[in-house]
């Protein structure tokens, strides 16, 4: 068993993916599944029913009429959106930890992940005119490996935070030294265990890749550009002022579409506030 797999096994004893979310993942990956199948699964969890009805009636969706039935909520949200909401809710629950320092808190990591998911979805839909649901999932899950490290090896994780400085070793170098693995490897393995599609798991694995040319509209390209944009806006994952660099192929793409990306960056804070309201901060 690799170090990453050992940490994941330890993590699963502390924080498990809710059964309902795991079942929704199976349904998303089943071409024969229907909205009725989703509805039947959701009905088994009264807490999730209450959450979804609250979410679908929130200002985030801006519906004119109140939705008070599960079937209507499912129909409005759609399968992938419903799945992504459940995954986001589960991730928020996993980050209810007391771990933290004066320079780091789980809340910061949560906001960073939420910002990344929103930015990924916006890039996919606004810039490339493709469905943004998978891009959203890349963003919300890309740092799940950090949560695994934080929950299983808190002392080492806080040491990592202390050693993360401008012009110092990269986060991957520090992780390999402290954990003998890194959050990208951990996140990719965990995503596959959760039956997340391979392109998303691969983007999680490669979101710090800094060699070669990455295609801008690929899941990895969208995720890396999202990371760059949100850190420029101040939504750091672990520590402020540790810069995120951008590969030349991705920088050239943003430069050639600068006006569209400026508008996207201007709109992102408002969209993030809606998400924070929807999930309680």
Foldseek 3Di string as FASTA:
>chain_A
DDLLVVLVVLVCVVANQDPLLLVLLVLVVDPPHDLVNNLVSQVVDVVSVVLLQLLCQAVLVPDPDRDDDSSVSSVVQDSLSSSLVSVLLSVVVLQPDPQDDPFFHSVLQNLQLQLLLLQLQCCLCVVVNDHSSLLSVLSNQLQVLLSSCCVRPVVLSVVLLVQQDAPGDDSQVSCCVRRVGHSLVSSLVVCVVSVNDNQSSVLSNCLLPADDADDCNGSVNSSVVSSQLVLVVPSDNGGHPHHRDDHPNSVVVCVVVVVSVVVSSVCSVVSSVSVCVSNVD
